[in-house]
C-alpha atoms as a PDB file:
ATOM      1  CA  MET A   1      66.445  78.795  48.031  1.00  0.00           C
ATOM      2  CA  LEU A   2      65.457  82.151  46.579  1.00  0.00           C
ATOM      3  CA  HIS A   3      61.853  82.762  45.516  1.00  0.00           C
ATOM      4  CA  ILE A   4      60.590  85.944  43.864  1.00  0.00           C
ATOM      5  CA  GLY A   5      57.059  87.317  44.155  1.00  0.00           C
ATOM      6  CA  ILE A   6      55.891  89.609  41.353  1.00  0.00           C
ATOM      7  CA  LEU A   7      52.686  91.634  41.499  1.00  0.00           C
ATOM      8  CA  GLN A   8      51.586  93.673  38.498  1.00  0.00           C
ATOM      9  CA  PHE A   9      48.558  95.847  39.164  1.00  0.00           C
ATOM     10  CA  SER A  10      46.563  98.727  37.736  1.00  0.00           C
ATOM     11  CA  VAL A  11      44.883 101.444  39.734  1.00  0.00           C
ATOM     12  CA  GLU A  12      42.422 104.085  38.655  1.00  0.00           C
ATOM     13  CA  ILE A  13      42.762 107.591  40.062  1.00  0.00           C
ATOM     14  CA  PRO A  14      39.479 109.256  39.073  1.00  0.00           C
ATOM     15  CA  TYR A  15      40.230 112.701  40.516  1.00  0.00           C
ATOM     16  CA  ALA A  16      43.542 113.116  38.623  1.00  0.00           C
ATOM     17  CA  LEU A  17      43.070 115.856  36.047  1.00  0.00           C
ATOM     18  CA  SER A  18      46.726 116.057  35.069  1.00  0.00           C
ATOM     19  CA  LEU A  19      49.863 113.941  35.072  1.00  0.00           C
ATOM     20  CA  LYS A  20      51.030 116.033  38.023  1.00  0.00           C
ATOM     21  CA  ASP A  21      47.977 114.911  40.050  1.00  0.00           C
ATOM     22  CA  LYS A  22      48.653 111.313  39.072  1.00  0.00           C
ATOM     23  CA  ARG A  23      52.373 111.493  39.922  1.00  0.00           C
ATOM     24  CA  SER A  24      51.576 112.901  43.351  1.00  0.00           C
ATOM     25  CA  ALA A  25      49.110 110.114  44.165  1.00  0.00           C
ATOM     26  CA  ILE A  26      51.398 107.368  42.806  1.00  0.00           C
ATOM     27  CA  LYS A  27      54.461 108.698  44.638  1.00  0.00           C
ATOM     28  CA  SER A  28      52.535 108.642  47.904  1.00  0.00           C
ATOM     29  CA  LEU A  29      51.312 105.093  47.223  1.00  0.00           C
ATOM     30  CA  LYS A  30      54.771 103.810  46.257  1.00  0.00           C
ATOM     31  CA  ASP A  31      56.401 105.349  49.340  1.00  0.00           C
ATOM     32  CA  ARG A  32      53.791 103.829  51.644  1.00  0.00           C
ATOM     33  CA  LEU A  33      54.063 100.362  50.068  1.00  0.00           C
ATOM     34  CA  ARG A  34      57.878 100.435  50.226  1.00  0.00           C
ATOM     35  CA  ARG A  35      57.762 101.359  53.908  1.00  0.00           C
ATOM     36  CA  SER A  36      55.031  98.906  54.882  1.00  0.00           C
ATOM     37  CA  PHE A  37      55.952  95.844  52.807  1.00  0.00           C
ATOM     38  CA  ASN A  38      59.651  96.242  51.939  1.00  0.00           C
ATOM     39  CA  VAL A  39      58.979  95.806  48.204  1.00  0.00           C
ATOM     40  CA  SER A  40      60.626  97.254  45.133  1.00  0.00           C
ATOM     41  CA  ILE A  41      57.983  99.074  43.136  1.00  0.00           C
ATOM     42  CA  ALA A  42      57.872 101.045  39.885  1.00  0.00           C
ATOM     43  CA  GLU A  43      55.345 102.463  37.453  1.00  0.00           C
ATOM     44  CA  ILE A  44      55.656 100.326  34.320  1.00  0.00           C
ATOM     45  CA  ASP A  45      52.820 101.273  31.954  1.00  0.00           C
ATOM     46  CA  ASP A  46      50.122 103.867  31.222  1.00  0.00           C
ATOM     47  CA  LEU A  47      52.695 106.602  31.804  1.00  0.00           C
ATOM     48  CA  ASP A  48      50.844 109.195  29.724  1.00  0.00           C
ATOM     49  CA  VAL A  49      47.319 108.444  31.004  1.00  0.00           C
ATOM     50  CA  CYS A  50      46.164 110.782  33.776  1.00  0.00           C
ATOM     51  CA  THR A  51      43.664 108.527  35.499  1.00  0.00           C
ATOM     52  CA  VAL A  52      45.261 105.055  35.255  1.00  0.00           C
ATOM     53  CA  ALA A  53      48.596 103.720  36.498  1.00  0.00           C
ATOM     54  CA  THR A  54      50.107 100.266  36.059  1.00  0.00           C
ATOM     55  CA  LEU A  55      52.788  99.326  38.545  1.00  0.00           C
ATOM     56  CA  GLY A  56      54.946  96.341  39.369  1.00  0.00           C
ATOM     57  CA  ALA A  57      56.002  95.265  42.855  1.00  0.00           C
ATOM     58  CA  VAL A  58      58.674  92.662  43.551  1.00  0.00           C
ATOM     59  CA  VAL A  59      59.713  90.945  46.762  1.00  0.00           C
ATOM     60  CA  ALA A  60      62.280  88.199  47.299  1.00  0.00           C
ATOM     61  CA  GLY A  61      62.455  85.637  50.064  1.00  0.00           C
ATOM     62  CA  SER A  62      63.345  82.118  51.048  1.00  0.00           C
ATOM     63  CA  GLU A  63      59.826  80.892  51.871  1.00  0.00           C
ATOM     64  CA  ILE A  64      56.907  80.778  49.428  1.00  0.00           C
ATOM     65  CA  ALA A  65      54.372  80.987  52.264  1.00  0.00           C
ATOM     66  CA  HIS A  66      55.915  84.250  53.476  1.00  0.00           C
ATOM     67  CA  LEU A  67      55.873  85.694  49.927  1.00  0.00           C
ATOM     68  CA  ASN A  68      52.210  84.739  49.480  1.00  0.00           C
ATOM     69  CA  SER A  69      51.323  86.314  52.806  1.00  0.00           C
ATOM     70  CA  SER A  70      53.217  89.520  51.964  1.00  0.00           C
ATOM     71  CA  MET A  71      51.543  89.798  48.566  1.00  0.00           C
ATOM     72  CA  ASP A  72      48.101  89.154  50.089  1.00  0.00           C
ATOM     73  CA  HIS A  73      48.666  91.952  52.611  1.00  0.00           C
ATOM     74  CA  LEU A  74      49.878  94.232  49.822  1.00  0.00           C
ATOM     75  CA  LEU A  75      46.734  93.482  47.788  1.00  0.00           C
ATOM     76  CA  ASN A  76      44.566  94.223  50.827  1.00  0.00           C
ATOM     77  CA  ALA A  77      46.310  97.579  51.248  1.00  0.00           C
ATOM     78  CA  LEU A  78      45.709  98.373  47.571  1.00  0.00           C
ATOM     79  CA  GLN A  79      42.015  97.489  47.868  1.00  0.00           C
ATOM     80  CA  GLU A  80      41.720  99.862  50.832  1.00  0.00           C
ATOM     81  CA  TRP A  81      43.646 102.708  49.152  1.00  0.00           C
ATOM     82  CA  ARG A  82      41.484 105.818  49.480  1.00  0.00           C
ATOM     83  CA  ASP A  83      42.976 107.827  46.609  1.00  0.00           C
ATOM     84  CA  GLY A  84      42.146 105.293  43.905  1.00  0.00           C
ATOM     85  CA  THR A  85      40.710 101.928  42.974  1.00  0.00           C
ATOM     86  CA  LEU A  86      42.509  98.670  42.245  1.00  0.00           C
ATOM     87  CA  VAL A  87      41.135  97.602  38.851  1.00  0.00           C
ATOM     88  CA  ASP A  88      43.345  94.643  37.903  1.00  0.00           C
ATOM     89  CA  HIS A  89      46.223  92.551  39.225  1.00  0.00           C
ATOM     90  CA  GLN A  90      48.375  89.552  38.376  1.00  0.00           C
ATOM     91  CA  LEU A  91      50.461  87.692  40.943  1.00  0.00           C
ATOM     92  CA  GLU A  92      53.262  85.264  40.176  1.00  0.00           C
ATOM     93  CA  ILE A  93      55.805  83.469  42.367  1.00  0.00           C
ATOM     94  CA  ILE A  94      58.973  82.395  40.580  1.00  0.00           C
ATOM     95  CA  SER A  95      61.032  79.578  42.033  1.00  0.00           C
ATOM     96  CA  PRO A  96      64.235  78.099  40.617  1.00  0.00           C
ATOM     97  CA  ARG A  97      64.026  74.505  39.475  1.00  0.00           C
END
């Protein structure tokens, strides 16, 4: 059975003085998360704010325990991110009925 894990999160990038600075930091973060956790990830909000980015990450799998573990590891990586600070997140696992 297919289960989908969705993580929406916001990060603050205090040193970003322009959208170019922000895009550079977010591109690096997205590339690293894709490589490390095999997630689909996109910037979904705060597109015109230089110091804040809201992103969504999605992963699919057959076991809820594996999805929870993957999302926990992803959250840990975000909390340790040196270029910014995780300020908010929401995690949801969707399972068919």
